Amino acid sequence: MPTSRSSGPRTAAFFDLDKTIIATSSSMAFSRPFYDGGLVTRTHALRTAYAQFLFLIGGADERQTSRLRDSLSDLIKGWDVAQVRQIVAETIHEHIDPVVYEEALELIHRHQTNGRDVVVVSASAADIVEPIAELLGADAVVASQMEVKKGFYTGDITFYAYGEAKAEAIRRLAEEKGYDLARSYAYSDSITDAPMLDEVG
């Protein structure tokens, strides 16, 4: 029986997304439907496939993460935000369901049963991360924020949820929601998330 969330200090479990909850890069998971929708050219598709390959075979270190960030920024510049959200909503089950780790789902459900909020934390764009988090039943999201002007992405990243920035965002969220970080949990596959892991007990 789930523990009441009001019976003691409020706690949370923070989950990195890429290669922790899902076995791929969330930014690249929708490259095919974006290509089919005319947002991605063949050249861009090959470039993102290569970045994805490097991400999967290598450690998610600073160089690889920076490469993915630059690839994402270059890729989405000029995209129609409404079209992106529609494509993600229509294809999320097809492209995300098969790559979710069963162990991660079990951990998420266990934390929720024990009365903890689940927070998905990712360097990918919020417009991609938020629908995935909703699919997983998460309570909150920390993700990168892309600049939008007149309904289109400019290619600029106004907040990049990476490294120490993830930890700062978690501290802000904890203050907002009243989480006791000393009694909370965090999960990641990468040493670059050490600041996030250090924030919890």
N, C-alpha and C. Protein backbone atom coordinates (compact mmCIF):
# COMPACT_ATOMS: atom_id res chain seq x y z
N MET A 1 0.85 -1.19 0.00
CA MET A 1 0.00 0.00 0.00
C MET A 1 0.89 1.24 0.00
N PRO A 2 0.66 2.21 -0.92
CA PRO A 2 1.51 3.38 -1.01
C PRO A 2 1.54 4.17 0.28
N THR A 3 2.71 4.70 0.60
CA THR A 3 2.85 5.56 1.77
C THR A 3 2.30 6.93 1.45
N SER A 4 1.61 7.54 2.38
CA SER A 4 1.09 8.89 2.17
C SER A 4 2.22 9.88 2.00
N ARG A 5 2.11 10.72 0.99
CA ARG A 5 3.17 11.68 0.72
C ARG A 5 3.17 12.82 1.73
N SER A 6 2.14 12.90 2.56
CA SER A 6 2.08 13.99 3.54
C SER A 6 2.44 13.52 4.95
N SER A 7 2.84 12.25 5.08
CA SER A 7 3.08 11.70 6.41
C SER A 7 4.48 11.99 6.95
N GLY A 8 5.35 12.58 6.17
CA GLY A 8 6.71 12.89 6.61
C GLY A 8 7.35 13.84 5.63
N PRO A 9 8.67 14.01 5.76
CA PRO A 9 9.37 14.90 4.82
C PRO A 9 9.16 14.42 3.39
N ARG A 10 8.92 15.33 2.50
CA ARG A 10 8.68 14.98 1.10
C ARG A 10 10.01 14.61 0.44
N THR A 11 10.03 13.51 -0.30
CA THR A 11 11.26 13.06 -0.95
C THR A 11 11.00 12.78 -2.42
N ALA A 12 12.10 12.57 -3.17
CA ALA A 12 11.98 12.33 -4.61
C ALA A 12 13.06 11.37 -5.07
N ALA A 13 12.84 10.79 -6.23
CA ALA A 13 13.85 9.98 -6.91
C ALA A 13 14.10 10.63 -8.26
N PHE A 14 15.35 11.03 -8.49
CA PHE A 14 15.73 11.74 -9.71
C PHE A 14 16.38 10.74 -10.67
N PHE A 15 15.85 10.64 -11.87
CA PHE A 15 16.35 9.70 -12.87
C PHE A 15 16.88 10.43 -14.09
N ASP A 16 18.16 10.23 -14.39
CA ASP A 16 18.67 10.61 -15.70
C ASP A 16 17.87 9.82 -16.74
N LEU A 17 17.70 10.37 -17.94
CA LEU A 17 16.85 9.70 -18.94
C LEU A 17 17.64 8.80 -19.89
N ASP A 18 18.59 9.39 -20.62
CA ASP A 18 19.30 8.65 -21.66
C ASP A 18 20.25 7.61 -21.08
N LYS A 19 20.05 6.36 -21.50
CA LYS A 19 20.86 5.22 -21.07
C LYS A 19 20.71 4.88 -19.59
N THR A 20 19.72 5.50 -18.93
CA THR A 20 19.37 5.14 -17.56
C THR A 20 17.94 4.63 -17.51
N ILE A 21 17.01 5.39 -18.11
CA ILE A 21 15.63 4.92 -18.24
C ILE A 21 15.42 4.29 -19.61
N ILE A 22 15.98 4.92 -20.63
CA ILE A 22 15.84 4.38 -21.99
C ILE A 22 17.21 4.04 -22.56
N ALA A 23 17.24 3.08 -23.46
CA ALA A 23 18.51 2.56 -23.99
C ALA A 23 18.98 3.32 -25.23
N THR A 24 18.77 4.63 -25.24
CA THR A 24 19.16 5.43 -26.39
C THR A 24 19.20 6.89 -25.98
N SER A 25 19.49 7.77 -26.92
CA SER A 25 19.41 9.21 -26.69
C SER A 25 18.01 9.69 -27.02
N SER A 26 17.34 10.32 -26.07
CA SER A 26 15.98 10.79 -26.31
C SER A 26 15.93 11.81 -27.44
N SER A 27 16.99 12.61 -27.59
CA SER A 27 17.02 13.62 -28.65
C SER A 27 17.02 12.98 -30.03
N MET A 28 17.62 11.80 -30.13
CA MET A 28 17.74 11.14 -31.42
C MET A 28 16.65 10.10 -31.67
N ALA A 29 15.88 9.76 -30.65
CA ALA A 29 14.88 8.69 -30.78
C ALA A 29 13.82 9.02 -31.83
N PHE A 30 13.59 10.30 -32.05
CA PHE A 30 12.53 10.71 -32.98
C PHE A 30 13.08 11.17 -34.33
N SER A 31 14.35 10.85 -34.61
CA SER A 31 14.95 11.33 -35.85
C SER A 31 14.20 10.81 -37.09
N ARG A 32 13.72 9.56 -37.04
CA ARG A 32 12.99 9.02 -38.19
C ARG A 32 11.67 9.74 -38.43
N PRO A 33 10.81 9.88 -37.40
CA PRO A 33 9.56 10.62 -37.67
C PRO A 33 9.79 12.08 -38.02
N PHE A 34 10.86 12.69 -37.49
CA PHE A 34 11.18 14.06 -37.88
C PHE A 34 11.59 14.10 -39.36
N TYR A 35 12.31 13.08 -39.79
CA TYR A 35 12.70 12.97 -41.20
C TYR A 35 11.46 12.79 -42.07
N ASP A 36 10.58 11.89 -41.64
CA ASP A 36 9.35 11.63 -42.39
C ASP A 36 8.47 12.88 -42.46
N GLY A 37 8.55 13.70 -41.42
CA GLY A 37 7.75 14.92 -41.37
C GLY A 37 8.37 16.10 -42.10
N GLY A 38 9.53 15.87 -42.71
CA GLY A 38 10.17 16.92 -43.49
C GLY A 38 11.02 17.89 -42.70
N LEU A 39 11.22 17.61 -41.40
CA LEU A 39 12.02 18.50 -40.58
C LEU A 39 13.52 18.22 -40.73
N VAL A 40 13.85 16.98 -41.03
CA VAL A 40 15.25 16.56 -41.11
C VAL A 40 15.61 16.19 -42.55
N THR A 41 16.71 16.74 -43.05
CA THR A 41 17.19 16.37 -44.37
C THR A 41 17.97 15.06 -44.27
N ARG A 42 18.28 14.47 -45.41
CA ARG A 42 19.05 13.23 -45.41
C ARG A 42 20.42 13.45 -44.78
N THR A 43 21.03 14.58 -45.08
CA THR A 43 22.35 14.90 -44.51
C THR A 43 22.28 14.98 -42.99
N HIS A 44 21.24 15.67 -42.50
CA HIS A 44 21.05 15.79 -41.05
C HIS A 44 20.78 14.43 -40.43
N ALA A 45 20.00 13.59 -41.13
CA ALA A 45 19.68 12.26 -40.60
C ALA A 45 20.94 11.43 -40.44
N LEU A 46 21.84 11.50 -41.41
CA LEU A 46 23.10 10.76 -41.32
C LEU A 46 23.98 11.30 -40.21
N ARG A 47 23.99 12.64 -40.07
CA ARG A 47 24.82 13.26 -39.04
C ARG A 47 24.32 12.89 -37.65
N THR A 48 23.01 12.91 -37.44
CA THR A 48 22.46 12.57 -36.12
C THR A 48 22.61 11.07 -35.83
N ALA A 49 22.52 10.26 -36.88
CA ALA A 49 22.73 8.82 -36.69
C ALA A 49 24.16 8.55 -36.23
N TYR A 50 25.11 9.30 -36.78
CA TYR A 50 26.50 9.14 -36.39
C TYR A 50 26.71 9.59 -34.94
N ALA A 51 26.09 10.72 -34.59
CA ALA A 51 26.19 11.21 -33.20
C ALA A 51 25.59 10.21 -32.24
N GLN A 52 24.47 9.59 -32.64
CA GLN A 52 23.82 8.57 -31.82
C GLN A 52 24.73 7.35 -31.65
N PHE A 53 25.38 6.95 -32.75
CA PHE A 53 26.30 5.81 -32.70
C PHE A 53 27.44 6.08 -31.71
N LEU A 54 28.02 7.26 -31.78
CA LEU A 54 29.09 7.63 -30.85
C LEU A 54 28.60 7.62 -29.41
N PHE A 55 27.38 8.10 -29.22
CA PHE A 55 26.80 8.15 -27.88
C PHE A 55 26.63 6.74 -27.31
N LEU A 56 26.18 5.82 -28.15
CA LEU A 56 25.89 4.46 -27.68
C LEU A 56 27.15 3.65 -27.40
N ILE A 57 28.20 3.84 -28.22
CA ILE A 57 29.41 3.03 -28.03
C ILE A 57 30.37 3.64 -27.02
N GLY A 58 30.23 4.95 -26.79
CA GLY A 58 31.15 5.62 -25.88
C GLY A 58 30.49 5.93 -24.56
N GLY A 59 31.28 6.37 -23.60
CA GLY A 59 30.73 6.83 -22.33
C GLY A 59 30.06 8.18 -22.55
N ALA A 60 29.05 8.44 -21.74
CA ALA A 60 28.35 9.73 -21.86
C ALA A 60 29.17 10.80 -21.15
N ASP A 61 30.38 11.04 -21.68
CA ASP A 61 31.26 12.01 -21.05
C ASP A 61 30.98 13.41 -21.58
N GLU A 62 31.76 14.38 -21.12
CA GLU A 62 31.50 15.77 -21.48
C GLU A 62 31.62 16.01 -22.98
N ARG A 63 32.62 15.38 -23.60
CA ARG A 63 32.81 15.58 -25.04
C ARG A 63 31.63 15.05 -25.83
N GLN A 64 31.18 13.83 -25.50
CA GLN A 64 30.05 13.24 -26.21
C GLN A 64 28.77 14.04 -25.97
N THR A 65 28.57 14.46 -24.73
CA THR A 65 27.36 15.23 -24.41
C THR A 65 27.38 16.57 -25.12
N SER A 66 28.54 17.20 -25.18
CA SER A 66 28.66 18.48 -25.89
C SER A 66 28.39 18.30 -27.38
N ARG A 67 28.85 17.18 -27.92
CA ARG A 67 28.61 16.91 -29.34
C ARG A 67 27.12 16.74 -29.60
N LEU A 68 26.44 16.02 -28.70
CA LEU A 68 25.00 15.86 -28.86
C LEU A 68 24.27 17.19 -28.72
N ARG A 69 24.74 18.03 -27.79
CA ARG A 69 24.11 19.35 -27.60
C ARG A 69 24.25 20.18 -28.88
N ASP A 70 25.45 20.22 -29.43
CA ASP A 70 25.69 21.01 -30.64
C ASP A 70 24.90 20.45 -31.82
N SER A 71 24.81 19.11 -31.88
CA SER A 71 24.04 18.47 -32.95
C SER A 71 22.57 18.82 -32.83
N LEU A 72 22.05 18.78 -31.59
CA LEU A 72 20.65 19.10 -31.35
C LEU A 72 20.36 20.55 -31.71
N SER A 73 21.23 21.46 -31.27
CA SER A 73 21.05 22.89 -31.53
C SER A 73 21.02 23.18 -33.03
N ASP A 74 21.95 22.58 -33.75
CA ASP A 74 22.03 22.78 -35.20
C ASP A 74 20.84 22.16 -35.91
N LEU A 75 20.42 20.99 -35.40
CA LEU A 75 19.35 20.24 -36.05
C LEU A 75 18.01 20.97 -35.99
N ILE A 76 17.66 21.51 -34.83
CA ILE A 76 16.30 22.02 -34.64
C ILE A 76 16.12 23.48 -35.04
N LYS A 77 17.19 24.15 -35.37
CA LYS A 77 17.09 25.57 -35.74
C LYS A 77 16.10 25.75 -36.89
N GLY A 78 15.08 26.58 -36.65
CA GLY A 78 14.08 26.85 -37.67
C GLY A 78 12.88 25.92 -37.66
N TRP A 79 12.88 24.92 -36.78
CA TRP A 79 11.76 23.99 -36.73
C TRP A 79 10.52 24.66 -36.14
N ASP A 80 9.36 24.24 -36.62
CA ASP A 80 8.08 24.68 -36.10
C ASP A 80 7.80 23.91 -34.80
N VAL A 81 7.69 24.63 -33.69
CA VAL A 81 7.53 23.99 -32.38
C VAL A 81 6.26 23.15 -32.32
N ALA A 82 5.16 23.66 -32.86
CA ALA A 82 3.89 22.93 -32.83
C ALA A 82 4.00 21.62 -33.60
N GLN A 83 4.71 21.63 -34.72
CA GLN A 83 4.89 20.41 -35.50
C GLN A 83 5.72 19.38 -34.75
N VAL A 84 6.77 19.84 -34.07
CA VAL A 84 7.62 18.94 -33.27
C VAL A 84 6.79 18.27 -32.19
N ARG A 85 6.02 19.05 -31.46
CA ARG A 85 5.20 18.50 -30.38
C ARG A 85 4.18 17.50 -30.91
N GLN A 86 3.60 17.79 -32.08
CA GLN A 86 2.63 16.89 -32.67
C GLN A 86 3.27 15.56 -33.05
N ILE A 87 4.45 15.61 -33.68
CA ILE A 87 5.14 14.39 -34.10
C ILE A 87 5.51 13.53 -32.89
N VAL A 88 6.03 14.18 -31.84
CA VAL A 88 6.40 13.44 -30.63
C VAL A 88 5.17 12.77 -30.02
N ALA A 89 4.07 13.52 -29.93
CA ALA A 89 2.84 12.98 -29.34
C ALA A 89 2.31 11.79 -30.14
N GLU A 90 2.42 11.86 -31.47
CA GLU A 90 1.84 10.82 -32.32
C GLU A 90 2.71 9.57 -32.41
N THR A 91 4.02 9.70 -32.16
CA THR A 91 4.92 8.56 -32.37
C THR A 91 5.64 8.09 -31.10
N ILE A 92 5.28 8.65 -29.95
CA ILE A 92 6.03 8.36 -28.72
C ILE A 92 5.98 6.89 -28.34
N HIS A 93 4.82 6.26 -28.47
CA HIS A 93 4.72 4.85 -28.09
C HIS A 93 5.56 3.97 -29.01
N GLU A 94 5.55 4.29 -30.29
CA GLU A 94 6.30 3.50 -31.27
C GLU A 94 7.81 3.58 -31.04
N HIS A 95 8.30 4.76 -30.66
CA HIS A 95 9.75 4.96 -30.59
C HIS A 95 10.33 4.92 -29.18
N ILE A 96 9.49 5.05 -28.16
CA ILE A 96 10.01 5.05 -26.78
C ILE A 96 9.68 3.75 -26.04
N ASP A 97 8.49 3.24 -26.19
CA ASP A 97 8.11 2.00 -25.48
C ASP A 97 9.14 0.88 -25.64
N PRO A 98 9.65 0.61 -26.86
CA PRO A 98 10.57 -0.52 -27.03
C PRO A 98 11.94 -0.33 -26.39
N VAL A 99 12.31 0.91 -26.03
CA VAL A 99 13.67 1.16 -25.53
C VAL A 99 13.71 1.48 -24.03
N VAL A 100 12.58 1.36 -23.35
CA VAL A 100 12.55 1.61 -21.91
C VAL A 100 13.08 0.39 -21.17
N TYR A 101 14.03 0.60 -20.26
CA TYR A 101 14.55 -0.50 -19.46
C TYR A 101 13.50 -0.95 -18.45
N GLU A 102 13.25 -2.26 -18.40
CA GLU A 102 12.27 -2.81 -17.46
C GLU A 102 12.69 -2.53 -16.01
N GLU A 103 13.99 -2.64 -15.74
CA GLU A 103 14.48 -2.38 -14.39
C GLU A 103 14.20 -0.94 -13.96
N ALA A 104 14.34 0.00 -14.90
CA ALA A 104 14.06 1.40 -14.58
C ALA A 104 12.59 1.60 -14.25
N LEU A 105 11.71 0.95 -15.01
CA LEU A 105 10.28 1.05 -14.73
C LEU A 105 9.95 0.50 -13.35
N GLU A 106 10.58 -0.61 -13.00
CA GLU A 106 10.35 -1.21 -11.69
C GLU A 106 10.81 -0.27 -10.58
N LEU A 107 11.96 0.37 -10.76
CA LEU A 107 12.45 1.31 -9.77
C LEU A 107 11.52 2.51 -9.63
N ILE A 108 11.05 3.03 -10.76
CA ILE A 108 10.13 4.16 -10.75
C ILE A 108 8.87 3.81 -9.96
N HIS A 109 8.30 2.65 -10.26
CA HIS A 109 7.07 2.23 -9.57
C HIS A 109 7.32 1.99 -8.08
N ARG A 110 8.49 1.45 -7.75
CA ARG A 110 8.80 1.19 -6.34
C ARG A 110 8.90 2.51 -5.57
N HIS A 111 9.56 3.50 -6.15
CA HIS A 111 9.67 4.79 -5.47
C HIS A 111 8.29 5.44 -5.30
N GLN A 112 7.47 5.36 -6.33
CA GLN A 112 6.14 5.95 -6.23
C GLN A 112 5.29 5.22 -5.19
N THR A 113 5.42 3.91 -5.13
CA THR A 113 4.70 3.14 -4.11
C THR A 113 5.13 3.54 -2.71
N ASN A 114 6.41 3.90 -2.56
CA ASN A 114 6.94 4.34 -1.27
C ASN A 114 6.72 5.83 -1.00
N GLY A 115 5.91 6.46 -1.85
CA GLY A 115 5.51 7.83 -1.59
C GLY A 115 6.44 8.90 -2.12
N ARG A 116 7.40 8.54 -2.94
CA ARG A 116 8.33 9.54 -3.48
C ARG A 116 7.88 10.03 -4.84
N ASP A 117 8.10 11.32 -5.10
CA ASP A 117 7.92 11.85 -6.44
C ASP A 117 9.03 11.31 -7.33
N VAL A 118 8.75 11.15 -8.60
CA VAL A 118 9.76 10.76 -9.58
C VAL A 118 10.01 11.93 -10.52
N VAL A 119 11.28 12.30 -10.65
CA VAL A 119 11.66 13.44 -11.49
C VAL A 119 12.60 12.94 -12.59
N VAL A 120 12.24 13.18 -13.84
CA VAL A 120 13.10 12.83 -14.97
C VAL A 120 14.00 14.02 -15.28
N VAL A 121 15.30 13.74 -15.35
CA VAL A 121 16.30 14.79 -15.55
C VAL A 121 17.07 14.48 -16.83
N SER A 122 17.11 15.45 -17.76
CA SER A 122 17.76 15.17 -19.04
C SER A 122 18.31 16.44 -19.68
N ALA A 123 19.42 16.28 -20.40
CA ALA A 123 19.99 17.38 -21.17
C ALA A 123 19.24 17.60 -22.48
N SER A 124 18.34 16.69 -22.83
CA SER A 124 17.55 16.84 -24.06
C SER A 124 16.51 17.95 -23.88
N ALA A 125 15.93 18.37 -25.01
CA ALA A 125 14.97 19.47 -25.00
C ALA A 125 13.69 19.09 -24.26
N ALA A 126 13.14 20.07 -23.54
CA ALA A 126 11.94 19.83 -22.74
C ALA A 126 10.77 19.34 -23.58
N ASP A 127 10.66 19.80 -24.83
CA ASP A 127 9.55 19.39 -25.68
C ASP A 127 9.61 17.91 -26.03
N ILE A 128 10.77 17.30 -25.88
CA ILE A 128 10.92 15.86 -26.09
C ILE A 128 10.83 15.12 -24.76
N VAL A 129 11.46 15.67 -23.73
CA VAL A 129 11.53 14.99 -22.44
C VAL A 129 10.18 14.96 -21.73
N GLU A 130 9.45 16.05 -21.77
CA GLU A 130 8.19 16.12 -21.03
C GLU A 130 7.17 15.06 -21.45
N PRO A 131 6.96 14.81 -22.76
CA PRO A 131 6.03 13.73 -23.13
C PRO A 131 6.52 12.34 -22.69
N ILE A 132 7.84 12.13 -22.72
CA ILE A 132 8.38 10.84 -22.27
C ILE A 132 8.13 10.68 -20.77
N ALA A 133 8.38 11.75 -20.02
CA ALA A 133 8.16 11.71 -18.57
C ALA A 133 6.69 11.45 -18.26
N GLU A 134 5.81 12.06 -19.02
CA GLU A 134 4.37 11.83 -18.83
C GLU A 134 4.02 10.38 -19.10
N LEU A 135 4.61 9.83 -20.16
CA LEU A 135 4.39 8.42 -20.49
C LEU A 135 4.82 7.50 -19.36
N LEU A 136 5.91 7.87 -18.69
CA LEU A 136 6.45 7.07 -17.59
C LEU A 136 5.72 7.30 -16.27
N GLY A 137 4.85 8.31 -16.23
CA GLY A 137 4.13 8.63 -15.01
C GLY A 137 4.93 9.44 -14.03
N ALA A 138 5.95 10.16 -14.51
CA ALA A 138 6.79 10.99 -13.63
C ALA A 138 6.02 12.20 -13.13
N ASP A 139 6.51 12.75 -12.02
CA ASP A 139 5.83 13.88 -11.39
C ASP A 139 6.40 15.23 -11.81
N ALA A 140 7.64 15.26 -12.27
CA ALA A 140 8.27 16.52 -12.65
C ALA A 140 9.41 16.25 -13.63
N VAL A 141 9.88 17.32 -14.26
CA VAL A 141 10.93 17.21 -15.28
C VAL A 141 11.95 18.33 -15.10
N VAL A 142 13.22 17.98 -15.28
CA VAL A 142 14.29 18.96 -15.45
C VAL A 142 14.88 18.68 -16.82
N ALA A 143 14.84 19.66 -17.73
CA ALA A 143 15.31 19.44 -19.10
C ALA A 143 15.83 20.75 -19.68
N SER A 144 16.55 20.63 -20.78
CA SER A 144 17.09 21.80 -21.46
C SER A 144 15.96 22.62 -22.09
N GLN A 145 16.14 23.92 -22.07
CA GLN A 145 15.13 24.83 -22.61
C GLN A 145 15.66 25.47 -23.89
N MET A 146 14.87 25.38 -24.96
CA MET A 146 15.26 25.92 -26.24
C MET A 146 14.57 27.26 -26.48
N GLU A 147 15.31 28.22 -27.01
CA GLU A 147 14.72 29.52 -27.30
C GLU A 147 13.73 29.40 -28.46
N VAL A 148 12.57 30.03 -28.29
CA VAL A 148 11.53 30.01 -29.32
C VAL A 148 11.14 31.45 -29.67
N LYS A 149 11.09 31.74 -30.95
CA LYS A 149 10.62 33.04 -31.42
C LYS A 149 9.61 32.82 -32.55
N LYS A 150 8.44 33.43 -32.37
CA LYS A 150 7.35 33.34 -33.35
C LYS A 150 7.01 31.89 -33.70
N GLY A 151 7.09 31.02 -32.68
CA GLY A 151 6.69 29.63 -32.86
C GLY A 151 7.74 28.73 -33.47
N PHE A 152 8.98 29.24 -33.61
CA PHE A 152 10.06 28.44 -34.19
C PHE A 152 11.28 28.45 -33.27
N TYR A 153 12.02 27.34 -33.27
CA TYR A 153 13.26 27.27 -32.50
C TYR A 153 14.33 28.12 -33.18
N THR A 154 15.05 28.90 -32.40
CA THR A 154 16.14 29.71 -32.96
C THR A 154 17.44 28.92 -33.06
N GLY A 155 17.51 27.83 -32.32
CA GLY A 155 18.75 27.05 -32.26
C GLY A 155 19.56 27.37 -31.01
N ASP A 156 19.18 28.42 -30.29
CA ASP A 156 19.87 28.77 -29.04
C ASP A 156 19.28 27.98 -27.88
N ILE A 157 20.14 27.56 -26.97
CA ILE A 157 19.73 26.82 -25.78
C ILE A 157 19.80 27.78 -24.59
N THR A 158 18.66 28.11 -24.01
CA THR A 158 18.63 29.09 -22.91
C THR A 158 19.00 28.46 -21.57
N PHE A 159 18.77 27.17 -21.42
CA PHE A 159 19.22 26.43 -20.23
C PHE A 159 19.62 25.05 -20.65
N TYR A 160 20.88 24.68 -20.38
CA TYR A 160 21.38 23.36 -20.75
C TYR A 160 21.51 22.53 -19.48
N ALA A 161 20.65 21.53 -19.34
CA ALA A 161 20.58 20.70 -18.13
C ALA A 161 21.69 19.66 -18.15
N TYR A 162 22.87 20.09 -17.78
CA TYR A 162 24.05 19.23 -17.84
C TYR A 162 24.99 19.55 -16.69
N GLY A 163 25.61 18.51 -16.12
CA GLY A 163 26.62 18.72 -15.08
C GLY A 163 26.08 19.47 -13.88
N GLU A 164 26.79 20.49 -13.48
CA GLU A 164 26.41 21.28 -12.31
C GLU A 164 25.06 21.95 -12.48
N ALA A 165 24.69 22.28 -13.73
CA ALA A 165 23.39 22.91 -13.99
C ALA A 165 22.24 21.99 -13.59
N LYS A 166 22.42 20.67 -13.77
CA LYS A 166 21.39 19.71 -13.31
C LYS A 166 21.23 19.81 -11.80
N ALA A 167 22.35 19.85 -11.09
CA ALA A 167 22.31 19.92 -9.63
C ALA A 167 21.63 21.21 -9.17
N GLU A 168 21.95 22.32 -9.82
CA GLU A 168 21.32 23.59 -9.45
C GLU A 168 19.81 23.54 -9.69
N ALA A 169 19.40 22.95 -10.81
CA ALA A 169 17.97 22.84 -11.11
C ALA A 169 17.27 21.95 -10.09
N ILE A 170 17.93 20.89 -9.65
CA ILE A 170 17.36 20.00 -8.64
C ILE A 170 17.20 20.73 -7.31
N ARG A 171 18.19 21.54 -6.96
CA ARG A 171 18.08 22.32 -5.70
C ARG A 171 16.90 23.29 -5.78
N ARG A 172 16.73 23.94 -6.92
CA ARG A 172 15.60 24.87 -7.09
C ARG A 172 14.26 24.13 -6.99
N LEU A 173 14.20 22.97 -7.65
CA LEU A 173 12.97 22.18 -7.61
C LEU A 173 12.67 21.70 -6.20
N ALA A 174 13.72 21.31 -5.47
CA ALA A 174 13.55 20.85 -4.09
C ALA A 174 12.99 21.96 -3.21
N GLU A 175 13.49 23.18 -3.40
CA GLU A 175 12.98 24.32 -2.63
C GLU A 175 11.52 24.59 -2.98
N GLU A 176 11.21 24.48 -4.26
CA GLU A 176 9.84 24.76 -4.73
C GLU A 176 8.84 23.72 -4.21
N LYS A 177 9.25 22.45 -4.22
CA LYS A 177 8.32 21.37 -3.87
C LYS A 177 8.52 20.83 -2.45
N GLY A 178 9.54 21.33 -1.76
CA GLY A 178 9.76 20.91 -0.38
C GLY A 178 10.40 19.55 -0.23
N TYR A 179 11.22 19.13 -1.21
CA TYR A 179 11.89 17.83 -1.11
C TYR A 179 13.03 17.89 -0.09
N ASP A 180 13.14 16.83 0.68
CA ASP A 180 14.30 16.65 1.56
C ASP A 180 15.34 15.86 0.75
N LEU A 181 16.32 16.58 0.18
CA LEU A 181 17.29 15.93 -0.70
C LEU A 181 18.16 14.91 0.04
N ALA A 182 18.38 15.13 1.33
CA ALA A 182 19.20 14.20 2.10
C ALA A 182 18.55 12.82 2.20
N ARG A 183 17.23 12.77 2.00
CA ARG A 183 16.51 11.49 2.06
C ARG A 183 16.00 11.06 0.68
N SER A 184 16.51 11.72 -0.35
CA SER A 184 16.08 11.41 -1.72
C SER A 184 17.10 10.53 -2.43
N TYR A 185 16.79 10.15 -3.67
CA TYR A 185 17.60 9.22 -4.46
C TYR A 185 17.88 9.82 -5.84
N ALA A 186 18.95 9.33 -6.48
CA ALA A 186 19.23 9.72 -7.86
C ALA A 186 19.90 8.57 -8.60
N TYR A 187 19.64 8.50 -9.90
CA TYR A 187 20.18 7.43 -10.73
C TYR A 187 20.74 8.00 -12.03
N SER A 188 21.90 7.50 -12.44
CA SER A 188 22.49 7.93 -13.70
C SER A 188 23.50 6.89 -14.18
N ASP A 189 23.79 6.91 -15.48
CA ASP A 189 24.82 6.04 -16.05
C ASP A 189 26.15 6.77 -16.19
N SER A 190 26.17 8.08 -15.93
CA SER A 190 27.31 8.89 -16.33
C SER A 190 27.99 9.62 -15.19
N ILE A 191 29.33 9.68 -15.24
CA ILE A 191 30.10 10.44 -14.25
C ILE A 191 29.83 11.93 -14.35
N THR A 192 29.34 12.37 -15.51
CA THR A 192 29.02 13.79 -15.65
C THR A 192 27.84 14.20 -14.78
N ASP A 193 27.09 13.21 -14.28
CA ASP A 193 25.97 13.50 -13.37
C ASP A 193 26.39 13.43 -11.91
N ALA A 194 27.69 13.40 -11.63
CA ALA A 194 28.17 13.37 -10.24
C ALA A 194 27.59 14.51 -9.41
N PRO A 195 27.50 15.76 -9.93
CA PRO A 195 26.90 16.83 -9.13
C PRO A 195 25.47 16.53 -8.72
N MET A 196 24.69 15.92 -9.62
CA MET A 196 23.31 15.54 -9.30
C MET A 196 23.29 14.46 -8.23
N LEU A 197 24.15 13.46 -8.39
CA LEU A 197 24.19 12.37 -7.42
C LEU A 197 24.64 12.84 -6.04
N ASP A 198 25.52 13.82 -6.02
CA ASP A 198 26.02 14.37 -4.75
C ASP A 198 24.95 15.14 -3.99
N GLU A 199 23.91 15.58 -4.69
CA GLU A 199 22.87 16.39 -4.05
C GLU A 199 21.95 15.56 -3.15
N VAL A 200 21.89 14.24 -3.39
CA VAL A 200 20.94 13.41 -2.63
C VAL A 200 21.66 12.58 -1.60
N GLY A 201 20.86 12.03 -0.67
CA GLY A 201 21.45 11.25 0.42
C GLY A 201 21.74 9.83 0.04
